[in-house]
Amino acid sequence: MSRFIIKGIVLLAIMISYSCSIPERKSNAENKNIENKITQQDDGIISLKLEKASCYSDMVNPSSNTAEWSFVVSKPGRYKVWLSSATKDTTDLQYANSVKVSLLDERLEARPVGDKIVMNASDVKYPYYRADSYMGSFYFQEPGEYSIQVISEKVVPKESENAASSQASHTKLVSVMLIPMTR
């Protein structure tokens, strides 16, 4: 009987040892996942490019097209939200509807107007120009991982660009930038 108890204790010790190593493996996987998340640049800016977003396109009702990003904020505070568009006409971005930007329980809604025109921007190619539109601001109380969602007919994933309407090809959403506000 004592052999049975000793074998049972050894087996139990092996199982406990193995199960204790699982969270460590999970933690390593979580660390790799965080490494793949979009993080802040050294200047504090968080740049969320459409090509890195999870997108949903509705060809019947493009006004519900959605882009969503997960990102990590390392410096809490208030951030200005800028929407960057690639457009052929900087005086008329041709957004049919206002754009909705949601973060946690907060929501910004505005029709982009091209508050700032960026000439020779590296993220857009001729015949397009980059027009940045101020949307408002969000406050991040603490560092951590967040998700942001943009709803607009101008969310056109690369794989859908060929099937997009001519109006959508006039102006496309390129990115969302979160820029820390200085005091």
N, C-alpha and C. Protein backbone atom coordinates (compact mmCIF):
# COMPACT_ATOMS: atom_id res chain seq x y z
N MET A 1 0.82 -1.19 0.00
CA MET A 1 0.00 0.00 0.00
C MET A 1 0.86 1.25 0.00
N SER A 2 2.01 1.22 0.68
CA SER A 2 2.86 2.41 0.73
C SER A 2 3.42 2.73 -0.66
N ARG A 3 3.68 1.72 -1.51
CA ARG A 3 4.14 1.99 -2.88
C ARG A 3 3.07 2.75 -3.65
N PHE A 4 1.84 2.37 -3.44
CA PHE A 4 0.72 3.03 -4.12
C PHE A 4 0.63 4.49 -3.70
N ILE A 5 0.81 4.76 -2.42
CA ILE A 5 0.75 6.13 -1.91
C ILE A 5 1.92 6.94 -2.45
N ILE A 6 3.11 6.35 -2.47
CA ILE A 6 4.30 7.06 -2.98
C ILE A 6 4.12 7.37 -4.46
N LYS A 7 3.65 6.40 -5.24
CA LYS A 7 3.41 6.63 -6.67
C LYS A 7 2.35 7.71 -6.86
N GLY A 8 1.34 7.70 -6.04
CA GLY A 8 0.28 8.70 -6.13
C GLY A 8 0.81 10.10 -5.82
N ILE A 9 1.66 10.19 -4.78
CA ILE A 9 2.24 11.48 -4.42
C ILE A 9 3.15 11.98 -5.54
N VAL A 10 3.98 11.10 -6.11
CA VAL A 10 4.87 11.48 -7.21
C VAL A 10 4.04 11.95 -8.41
N LEU A 11 3.00 11.19 -8.74
CA LEU A 11 2.14 11.56 -9.86
C LEU A 11 1.46 12.91 -9.60
N LEU A 12 0.98 13.13 -8.41
CA LEU A 12 0.36 14.38 -8.03
C LEU A 12 1.37 15.54 -8.13
N ALA A 13 2.59 15.32 -7.67
CA ALA A 13 3.63 16.36 -7.73
C ALA A 13 3.94 16.71 -9.18
N ILE A 14 3.99 15.72 -10.06
CA ILE A 14 4.25 15.97 -11.48
C ILE A 14 3.10 16.77 -12.08
N MET A 15 1.88 16.40 -11.76
CA MET A 15 0.72 17.11 -12.30
C MET A 15 0.70 18.57 -11.82
N ILE A 16 0.99 18.79 -10.52
CA ILE A 16 1.00 20.15 -9.99
C ILE A 16 2.12 20.96 -10.65
N SER A 17 3.29 20.34 -10.79
CA SER A 17 4.41 21.02 -11.44
C SER A 17 4.07 21.40 -12.87
N TYR A 18 3.44 20.51 -13.61
CA TYR A 18 3.08 20.77 -14.99
C TYR A 18 2.01 21.86 -15.07
N SER A 19 1.00 21.76 -14.20
CA SER A 19 -0.08 22.74 -14.26
C SER A 19 0.41 24.12 -13.86
N CYS A 20 1.39 24.22 -13.01
CA CYS A 20 1.93 25.52 -12.64
C CYS A 20 2.72 26.15 -13.77
N SER A 21 3.20 25.33 -14.68
CA SER A 21 3.96 25.89 -15.80
C SER A 21 3.03 26.38 -16.91
N ILE A 22 1.78 25.97 -16.92
CA ILE A 22 0.85 26.39 -17.97
C ILE A 22 0.61 27.90 -17.92
N PRO A 23 0.33 28.51 -16.74
CA PRO A 23 0.15 29.96 -16.75
C PRO A 23 1.39 30.69 -17.27
N GLU A 24 2.57 30.16 -16.98
CA GLU A 24 3.79 30.80 -17.49
C GLU A 24 3.80 30.75 -19.01
N ARG A 25 3.43 29.62 -19.58
CA ARG A 25 3.36 29.53 -21.04
C ARG A 25 2.30 30.48 -21.58
N LYS A 26 1.17 30.54 -20.90
CA LYS A 26 0.11 31.45 -21.32
C LYS A 26 0.58 32.89 -21.23
N SER A 27 1.29 33.19 -20.15
CA SER A 27 1.81 34.54 -19.99
C SER A 27 2.77 34.90 -21.11
N ASN A 28 3.62 33.97 -21.51
CA ASN A 28 4.52 34.22 -22.63
C ASN A 28 3.73 34.48 -23.91
N ALA A 29 2.67 33.72 -24.12
CA ALA A 29 1.82 33.92 -25.31
C ALA A 29 1.16 35.29 -25.24
N GLU A 30 0.70 35.68 -24.04
CA GLU A 30 0.10 37.00 -23.89
C GLU A 30 1.13 38.09 -24.15
N ASN A 31 2.36 37.89 -23.68
CA ASN A 31 3.42 38.88 -23.94
C ASN A 31 3.67 39.02 -25.43
N LYS A 32 3.70 37.91 -26.16
CA LYS A 32 3.90 37.98 -27.60
C LYS A 32 2.73 38.71 -28.26
N ASN A 33 1.51 38.45 -27.74
CA ASN A 33 0.33 39.12 -28.28
C ASN A 33 0.42 40.63 -28.06
N ILE A 34 0.89 41.06 -26.88
CA ILE A 34 1.05 42.48 -26.59
C ILE A 34 2.13 43.07 -27.49
N GLU A 35 3.21 42.29 -27.76
CA GLU A 35 4.26 42.77 -28.64
C GLU A 35 3.72 43.04 -30.04
N ASN A 36 2.70 42.29 -30.48
CA ASN A 36 2.12 42.47 -31.81
C ASN A 36 1.07 43.59 -31.82
N LYS A 37 0.68 44.10 -30.68
CA LYS A 37 -0.29 45.18 -30.60
C LYS A 37 0.35 46.48 -31.07
N ILE A 38 -0.49 47.40 -31.49
CA ILE A 38 -0.02 48.72 -31.88
C ILE A 38 0.32 49.47 -30.59
N THR A 39 1.51 50.04 -30.54
CA THR A 39 1.95 50.75 -29.35
C THR A 39 2.29 52.19 -29.70
N GLN A 40 2.51 52.98 -28.66
CA GLN A 40 2.85 54.39 -28.84
C GLN A 40 4.26 54.55 -29.39
N GLN A 41 4.42 55.56 -30.22
CA GLN A 41 5.75 55.93 -30.69
C GLN A 41 6.44 56.70 -29.56
N ASP A 42 7.72 56.95 -29.71
CA ASP A 42 8.48 57.67 -28.68
C ASP A 42 7.89 59.05 -28.37
N ASP A 43 7.31 59.70 -29.39
CA ASP A 43 6.72 61.03 -29.19
C ASP A 43 5.31 60.97 -28.59
N GLY A 44 4.82 59.76 -28.29
CA GLY A 44 3.51 59.59 -27.66
C GLY A 44 2.37 59.38 -28.63
N ILE A 45 2.61 59.55 -29.94
CA ILE A 45 1.56 59.40 -30.95
C ILE A 45 1.24 57.92 -31.15
N ILE A 46 -0.04 57.63 -31.30
CA ILE A 46 -0.50 56.29 -31.64
C ILE A 46 -1.10 56.38 -33.03
N SER A 47 -0.49 55.68 -33.99
CA SER A 47 -0.93 55.73 -35.38
C SER A 47 -1.61 54.41 -35.74
N LEU A 48 -2.89 54.48 -36.06
CA LEU A 48 -3.70 53.30 -36.35
C LEU A 48 -4.01 53.28 -37.85
N LYS A 49 -3.24 52.53 -38.60
CA LYS A 49 -3.40 52.47 -40.06
C LYS A 49 -4.49 51.47 -40.43
N LEU A 50 -5.26 51.81 -41.46
CA LEU A 50 -6.38 50.97 -41.88
C LEU A 50 -5.92 49.56 -42.24
N GLU A 51 -4.75 49.43 -42.83
CA GLU A 51 -4.27 48.11 -43.24
C GLU A 51 -4.02 47.18 -42.05
N LYS A 52 -3.92 47.73 -40.83
CA LYS A 52 -3.71 46.91 -39.63
C LYS A 52 -5.00 46.71 -38.84
N ALA A 53 -6.11 47.19 -39.38
CA ALA A 53 -7.40 47.10 -38.69
C ALA A 53 -8.14 45.83 -39.05
N SER A 54 -9.01 45.42 -38.16
CA SER A 54 -10.00 44.40 -38.49
C SER A 54 -11.16 45.17 -39.12
N CYS A 55 -11.53 44.78 -40.33
CA CYS A 55 -12.54 45.55 -41.07
C CYS A 55 -13.77 44.72 -41.39
N TYR A 56 -14.88 45.43 -41.47
CA TYR A 56 -16.14 44.84 -41.90
C TYR A 56 -16.69 45.76 -42.98
N SER A 57 -16.97 45.21 -44.15
CA SER A 57 -17.54 45.99 -45.25
C SER A 57 -18.93 45.49 -45.60
N ASP A 58 -19.83 46.42 -45.80
CA ASP A 58 -21.19 46.10 -46.20
C ASP A 58 -21.45 46.78 -47.55
N MET A 59 -21.41 46.01 -48.62
CA MET A 59 -21.57 46.59 -49.96
C MET A 59 -22.97 47.15 -50.17
N VAL A 60 -23.98 46.62 -49.47
CA VAL A 60 -25.34 47.11 -49.59
C VAL A 60 -25.51 48.44 -48.85
N ASN A 61 -24.94 48.53 -47.65
CA ASN A 61 -25.03 49.74 -46.84
C ASN A 61 -23.64 50.15 -46.37
N PRO A 62 -22.84 50.80 -47.24
CA PRO A 62 -21.47 51.13 -46.88
C PRO A 62 -21.34 52.08 -45.69
N SER A 63 -22.40 52.77 -45.30
CA SER A 63 -22.31 53.67 -44.16
C SER A 63 -22.04 52.92 -42.85
N SER A 64 -22.21 51.60 -42.86
CA SER A 64 -21.92 50.82 -41.66
C SER A 64 -20.57 50.10 -41.74
N ASN A 65 -19.74 50.44 -42.74
CA ASN A 65 -18.39 49.86 -42.81
C ASN A 65 -17.64 50.21 -41.53
N THR A 66 -16.90 49.25 -41.00
CA THR A 66 -16.27 49.40 -39.70
C THR A 66 -14.81 48.98 -39.74
N ALA A 67 -13.98 49.73 -39.04
CA ALA A 67 -12.58 49.37 -38.81
C ALA A 67 -12.35 49.38 -37.30
N GLU A 68 -11.61 48.39 -36.82
CA GLU A 68 -11.35 48.31 -35.38
C GLU A 68 -9.90 47.94 -35.14
N TRP A 69 -9.30 48.62 -34.16
CA TRP A 69 -7.91 48.37 -33.79
C TRP A 69 -7.83 48.11 -32.30
N SER A 70 -6.84 47.28 -31.90
CA SER A 70 -6.45 47.14 -30.51
C SER A 70 -5.07 47.77 -30.39
N PHE A 71 -4.86 48.52 -29.32
CA PHE A 71 -3.59 49.22 -29.15
C PHE A 71 -3.28 49.35 -27.67
N VAL A 72 -2.03 49.68 -27.38
CA VAL A 72 -1.58 49.81 -26.00
C VAL A 72 -1.20 51.26 -25.73
N VAL A 73 -1.77 51.82 -24.68
CA VAL A 73 -1.44 53.16 -24.23
C VAL A 73 -0.48 53.02 -23.06
N SER A 74 0.69 53.63 -23.19
CA SER A 74 1.66 53.57 -22.08
C SER A 74 1.68 54.86 -21.27
N LYS A 75 1.17 55.95 -21.84
CA LYS A 75 1.16 57.25 -21.16
C LYS A 75 -0.28 57.75 -21.05
N PRO A 76 -0.88 57.69 -19.84
CA PRO A 76 -2.26 58.17 -19.71
C PRO A 76 -2.36 59.67 -19.97
N GLY A 77 -3.55 60.12 -20.27
CA GLY A 77 -3.79 61.54 -20.51
C GLY A 77 -4.83 61.74 -21.60
N ARG A 78 -5.01 63.00 -22.01
CA ARG A 78 -5.97 63.34 -23.05
C ARG A 78 -5.26 63.34 -24.40
N TYR A 79 -5.93 62.74 -25.40
CA TYR A 79 -5.38 62.60 -26.74
C TYR A 79 -6.34 63.20 -27.77
N LYS A 80 -5.80 64.00 -28.68
CA LYS A 80 -6.57 64.49 -29.81
C LYS A 80 -6.74 63.35 -30.80
N VAL A 81 -7.92 63.27 -31.40
CA VAL A 81 -8.21 62.23 -32.38
C VAL A 81 -8.27 62.88 -33.76
N TRP A 82 -7.38 62.44 -34.65
CA TRP A 82 -7.32 62.94 -36.02
C TRP A 82 -7.59 61.80 -36.97
N LEU A 83 -8.41 62.05 -37.95
CA LEU A 83 -8.74 61.08 -38.99
C LEU A 83 -7.97 61.48 -40.24
N SER A 84 -7.18 60.58 -40.81
CA SER A 84 -6.44 60.87 -42.04
C SER A 84 -7.13 60.21 -43.21
N SER A 85 -7.37 61.01 -44.26
CA SER A 85 -8.02 60.51 -45.47
C SER A 85 -7.11 60.74 -46.66
N ALA A 86 -7.15 59.82 -47.62
CA ALA A 86 -6.50 60.02 -48.91
C ALA A 86 -7.59 60.52 -49.84
N THR A 87 -7.38 61.68 -50.44
CA THR A 87 -8.42 62.28 -51.27
C THR A 87 -7.85 62.88 -52.55
N LYS A 88 -8.68 62.97 -53.56
CA LYS A 88 -8.29 63.61 -54.81
C LYS A 88 -8.63 65.10 -54.81
N ASP A 89 -9.53 65.52 -53.91
CA ASP A 89 -9.95 66.92 -53.84
C ASP A 89 -9.93 67.34 -52.37
N THR A 90 -8.95 68.12 -51.98
CA THR A 90 -8.81 68.51 -50.58
C THR A 90 -9.86 69.51 -50.12
N THR A 91 -10.60 70.12 -51.05
CA THR A 91 -11.64 71.07 -50.66
C THR A 91 -12.99 70.40 -50.43
N ASP A 92 -13.14 69.15 -50.91
CA ASP A 92 -14.39 68.42 -50.73
C ASP A 92 -14.07 66.93 -50.57
N LEU A 93 -14.07 66.47 -49.30
CA LEU A 93 -13.72 65.07 -49.02
C LEU A 93 -14.84 64.10 -49.41
N GLN A 94 -16.02 64.59 -49.64
CA GLN A 94 -17.18 63.80 -50.07
C GLN A 94 -17.55 62.67 -49.12
N TYR A 95 -17.52 62.96 -47.82
CA TYR A 95 -18.07 62.00 -46.84
C TYR A 95 -19.58 62.20 -46.86
N ALA A 96 -20.33 61.18 -47.23
CA ALA A 96 -21.78 61.28 -47.30
C ALA A 96 -22.41 61.36 -45.91
N ASN A 97 -21.76 60.73 -44.93
CA ASN A 97 -22.28 60.69 -43.56
C ASN A 97 -21.18 61.11 -42.60
N SER A 98 -21.59 61.45 -41.39
CA SER A 98 -20.59 61.74 -40.37
C SER A 98 -19.88 60.44 -40.00
N VAL A 99 -18.67 60.58 -39.50
CA VAL A 99 -17.86 59.43 -39.08
C VAL A 99 -18.02 59.28 -37.58
N LYS A 100 -18.17 58.04 -37.12
CA LYS A 100 -18.32 57.75 -35.70
C LYS A 100 -17.05 57.05 -35.22
N VAL A 101 -16.48 57.57 -34.13
CA VAL A 101 -15.30 56.97 -33.51
C VAL A 101 -15.68 56.63 -32.08
N SER A 102 -15.57 55.33 -31.72
CA SER A 102 -15.98 54.88 -30.38
C SER A 102 -14.80 54.28 -29.63
N LEU A 103 -14.72 54.65 -28.35
CA LEU A 103 -13.71 54.12 -27.44
C LEU A 103 -14.38 53.95 -26.08
N LEU A 104 -14.39 52.72 -25.58
CA LEU A 104 -15.08 52.41 -24.33
C LEU A 104 -16.52 52.94 -24.42
N ASP A 105 -16.93 53.81 -23.51
CA ASP A 105 -18.30 54.33 -23.52
C ASP A 105 -18.40 55.70 -24.17
N GLU A 106 -17.31 56.18 -24.74
CA GLU A 106 -17.30 57.50 -25.36
C GLU A 106 -17.42 57.38 -26.87
N ARG A 107 -18.03 58.41 -27.48
CA ARG A 107 -18.21 58.39 -28.93
C ARG A 107 -18.04 59.81 -29.49
N LEU A 108 -17.23 59.90 -30.52
CA LEU A 108 -17.08 61.15 -31.26
C LEU A 108 -17.80 60.98 -32.58
N GLU A 109 -18.44 62.05 -33.05
CA GLU A 109 -19.12 61.98 -34.34
C GLU A 109 -18.97 63.33 -35.03
N ALA A 110 -18.43 63.29 -36.26
CA ALA A 110 -18.24 64.52 -37.02
C ALA A 110 -18.11 64.17 -38.50
N ARG A 111 -18.36 65.15 -39.33
CA ARG A 111 -18.14 65.00 -40.77
C ARG A 111 -16.76 65.58 -41.07
N PRO A 112 -15.81 64.74 -41.53
CA PRO A 112 -14.45 65.22 -41.80
C PRO A 112 -14.43 66.31 -42.85
N VAL A 113 -13.64 67.35 -42.58
CA VAL A 113 -13.58 68.50 -43.48
C VAL A 113 -12.18 68.81 -43.99
N GLY A 114 -11.17 68.11 -43.56
CA GLY A 114 -9.81 68.40 -44.01
C GLY A 114 -9.25 69.63 -43.33
N ASP A 115 -9.08 69.57 -42.01
CA ASP A 115 -8.55 70.70 -41.25
C ASP A 115 -7.08 70.98 -41.57
N LYS A 116 -6.37 69.93 -41.94
CA LYS A 116 -4.94 70.05 -42.22
C LYS A 116 -4.63 69.23 -43.47
N ILE A 117 -3.99 69.83 -44.47
CA ILE A 117 -3.61 69.13 -45.69
C ILE A 117 -2.11 68.83 -45.60
N VAL A 118 -1.74 67.57 -45.81
CA VAL A 118 -0.34 67.14 -45.72
C VAL A 118 0.15 66.85 -47.13
N MET A 119 1.02 67.71 -47.61
CA MET A 119 1.57 67.54 -48.96
C MET A 119 2.70 66.50 -48.92
N ASN A 120 2.82 65.73 -49.97
CA ASN A 120 3.88 64.73 -50.10
C ASN A 120 3.93 63.74 -48.94
N ALA A 121 2.77 63.35 -48.43
CA ALA A 121 2.71 62.37 -47.34
C ALA A 121 3.16 61.01 -47.87
N SER A 122 3.97 60.31 -47.08
CA SER A 122 4.51 59.03 -47.53
C SER A 122 3.46 57.92 -47.54
N ASP A 123 2.35 58.10 -46.81
CA ASP A 123 1.35 57.04 -46.72
C ASP A 123 0.26 57.14 -47.79
N VAL A 124 0.34 58.14 -48.68
CA VAL A 124 -0.60 58.22 -49.81
C VAL A 124 0.19 58.49 -51.09
N LYS A 125 -0.29 57.95 -52.17
CA LYS A 125 0.39 58.07 -53.46
C LYS A 125 -0.48 58.88 -54.43
N TYR A 126 0.18 59.57 -55.37
CA TYR A 126 -0.50 60.34 -56.39
C TYR A 126 -1.50 59.45 -57.12
N PRO A 127 -2.68 59.87 -57.40
CA PRO A 127 -3.25 61.22 -57.44
C PRO A 127 -3.90 61.67 -56.14
N TYR A 128 -3.60 61.00 -55.03
CA TYR A 128 -4.23 61.35 -53.76
C TYR A 128 -3.36 62.31 -52.95
N TYR A 129 -4.04 63.06 -52.07
CA TYR A 129 -3.40 63.92 -51.09
C TYR A 129 -3.95 63.51 -49.73
N ARG A 130 -3.19 63.77 -48.68
CA ARG A 130 -3.67 63.42 -47.35
C ARG A 130 -4.33 64.63 -46.70
N ALA A 131 -5.56 64.42 -46.24
CA ALA A 131 -6.30 65.45 -45.52
C ALA A 131 -6.60 64.92 -44.12
N ASP A 132 -6.12 65.64 -43.11
CA ASP A 132 -6.36 65.26 -41.72
C ASP A 132 -7.51 66.07 -41.15
N SER A 133 -8.43 65.39 -40.48
CA SER A 133 -9.62 66.02 -39.92
C SER A 133 -9.65 65.79 -38.41
N TYR A 134 -9.82 66.88 -37.66
CA TYR A 134 -9.91 66.79 -36.20
C TYR A 134 -11.29 66.27 -35.81
N MET A 135 -11.31 65.23 -34.97
CA MET A 135 -12.58 64.61 -34.57
C MET A 135 -12.99 64.95 -33.14
N GLY A 136 -12.03 65.31 -32.28
CA GLY A 136 -12.30 65.55 -30.87
C GLY A 136 -11.18 64.97 -30.04
N SER A 137 -11.49 64.56 -28.81
CA SER A 137 -10.44 63.98 -27.96
C SER A 137 -11.01 62.91 -27.04
N PHE A 138 -10.11 62.02 -26.60
CA PHE A 138 -10.43 60.98 -25.63
C PHE A 138 -9.45 61.09 -24.47
N TYR A 139 -9.92 60.70 -23.28
CA TYR A 139 -9.05 60.69 -22.10
C TYR A 139 -8.79 59.25 -21.69
N PHE A 140 -7.52 58.92 -21.52
CA PHE A 140 -7.10 57.60 -21.04
C PHE A 140 -6.63 57.78 -19.60
N GLN A 141 -7.39 57.22 -18.68
CA GLN A 141 -7.10 57.40 -17.26
C GLN A 141 -5.88 56.61 -16.82
N GLU A 142 -5.66 55.46 -17.44
CA GLU A 142 -4.53 54.62 -17.04
C GLU A 142 -3.94 53.90 -18.25
N PRO A 143 -2.66 53.49 -18.12
CA PRO A 143 -2.05 52.73 -19.22
C PRO A 143 -2.77 51.40 -19.39
N GLY A 144 -2.70 50.83 -20.57
CA GLY A 144 -3.32 49.53 -20.81
C GLY A 144 -3.69 49.34 -22.25
N GLU A 145 -4.38 48.23 -22.49
CA GLU A 145 -4.83 47.88 -23.84
C GLU A 145 -6.25 48.39 -24.06
N TYR A 146 -6.47 49.01 -25.22
CA TYR A 146 -7.76 49.57 -25.57
C TYR A 146 -8.14 49.15 -26.98
N SER A 147 -9.42 49.27 -27.29
CA SER A 147 -9.92 49.04 -28.65
C SER A 147 -10.68 50.28 -29.08
N ILE A 148 -10.50 50.64 -30.34
CA ILE A 148 -11.19 51.80 -30.90
C ILE A 148 -11.87 51.35 -32.19
N GLN A 149 -13.02 51.93 -32.47
CA GLN A 149 -13.80 51.53 -33.65
C GLN A 149 -14.18 52.78 -34.44
N VAL A 150 -14.06 52.68 -35.76
CA VAL A 150 -14.47 53.77 -36.65
C VAL A 150 -15.54 53.22 -37.59
N ILE A 151 -16.64 53.95 -37.73
CA ILE A 151 -17.72 53.56 -38.64
C ILE A 151 -17.87 54.65 -39.69
N SER A 152 -17.68 54.26 -40.96
CA SER A 152 -17.78 55.23 -42.06
C SER A 152 -17.83 54.51 -43.39
N GLU A 153 -18.52 55.12 -44.36
CA GLU A 153 -18.54 54.54 -45.71
C GLU A 153 -17.16 54.61 -46.36
N LYS A 154 -16.25 55.40 -45.80
CA LYS A 154 -14.90 55.55 -46.37
C LYS A 154 -13.93 54.50 -45.83
N VAL A 155 -14.41 53.61 -44.97
CA VAL A 155 -13.59 52.47 -44.56
C VAL A 155 -13.67 51.45 -45.69
N VAL A 156 -12.62 51.41 -46.49
CA VAL A 156 -12.58 50.50 -47.64
C VAL A 156 -11.33 49.64 -47.51
N PRO A 157 -11.49 48.39 -47.07
CA PRO A 157 -10.33 47.51 -46.95
C PRO A 157 -9.68 47.30 -48.32
N LYS A 158 -8.38 47.08 -48.34
CA LYS A 158 -7.64 46.91 -49.59
C LYS A 158 -8.29 45.88 -50.51
N GLU A 159 -8.72 44.74 -49.96
CA GLU A 159 -9.30 43.68 -50.80
C GLU A 159 -10.62 44.10 -51.44
N SER A 160 -11.26 45.16 -50.91
CA SER A 160 -12.54 45.62 -51.46
C SER A 160 -12.38 46.83 -52.38
N GLU A 161 -11.18 47.39 -52.49
CA GLU A 161 -10.99 48.61 -53.26
C GLU A 161 -11.42 48.47 -54.71
N ASN A 162 -11.15 47.34 -55.34
CA ASN A 162 -11.51 47.16 -56.75
C ASN A 162 -13.01 47.17 -56.95
N ALA A 163 -13.75 46.68 -55.97
CA ALA A 163 -15.21 46.62 -56.09
C ALA A 163 -15.88 47.89 -55.58
N ALA A 164 -15.10 48.83 -55.05
CA ALA A 164 -15.66 50.03 -54.45
C ALA A 164 -16.23 50.96 -55.50
N SER A 165 -17.18 51.77 -55.06
CA SER A 165 -17.80 52.74 -55.98
C SER A 165 -16.83 53.86 -56.29
N SER A 166 -17.12 54.65 -57.31
CA SER A 166 -16.24 55.75 -57.69
C SER A 166 -16.19 56.81 -56.59
N GLN A 167 -17.30 56.99 -55.86
CA GLN A 167 -17.28 57.96 -54.77
C GLN A 167 -16.32 57.52 -53.68
N ALA A 168 -16.31 56.22 -53.35
CA ALA A 168 -15.40 55.72 -52.33
C ALA A 168 -13.96 55.85 -52.79
N SER A 169 -13.69 55.73 -54.10
CA SER A 169 -12.32 55.85 -54.58
C SER A 169 -11.87 57.31 -54.64
N HIS A 170 -12.80 58.26 -54.52
CA HIS A 170 -12.45 59.68 -54.46
C HIS A 170 -11.72 59.98 -53.15
N THR A 171 -12.24 59.43 -52.06
CA THR A 171 -11.67 59.63 -50.73
C THR A 171 -11.73 58.30 -49.98
N LYS A 172 -10.62 57.95 -49.31
CA LYS A 172 -10.55 56.73 -48.52
C LYS A 172 -9.97 57.05 -47.15
N LEU A 173 -10.43 56.34 -46.15
CA LEU A 173 -9.84 56.47 -44.82
C LEU A 173 -8.47 55.80 -44.86
N VAL A 174 -7.47 56.48 -44.32
CA VAL A 174 -6.11 55.94 -44.29
C VAL A 174 -5.73 55.50 -42.87
N SER A 175 -6.02 56.37 -41.88
CA SER A 175 -5.62 56.05 -40.51
C SER A 175 -6.34 56.93 -39.51
N VAL A 176 -6.19 56.55 -38.26
CA VAL A 176 -6.64 57.36 -37.13
C VAL A 176 -5.39 57.60 -36.29
N MET A 177 -5.18 58.84 -35.91
CA MET A 177 -4.02 59.17 -35.08
C MET A 177 -4.50 59.72 -33.74
N LEU A 178 -3.89 59.22 -32.67
CA LEU A 178 -4.15 59.72 -31.33
C LEU A 178 -2.89 60.48 -30.91
N ILE A 179 -3.04 61.79 -30.71
CA ILE A 179 -1.90 62.64 -30.42
C ILE A 179 -2.06 63.24 -29.02
N PRO A 180 -1.06 63.00 -28.14
CA PRO A 180 -1.19 63.51 -26.76
C PRO A 180 -1.28 65.04 -26.76
N MET A 181 -2.17 65.53 -25.88
CA MET A 181 -2.33 66.98 -25.74
C MET A 181 -1.31 67.47 -24.72
N THR A 182 -0.68 68.58 -25.02
CA THR A 182 0.27 69.16 -24.08
C THR A 182 -0.48 70.13 -23.17
N ARG A 183 0.03 70.29 -21.99
CA ARG A 183 -0.66 71.16 -21.02
C ARG A 183 -0.28 72.58 -21.19
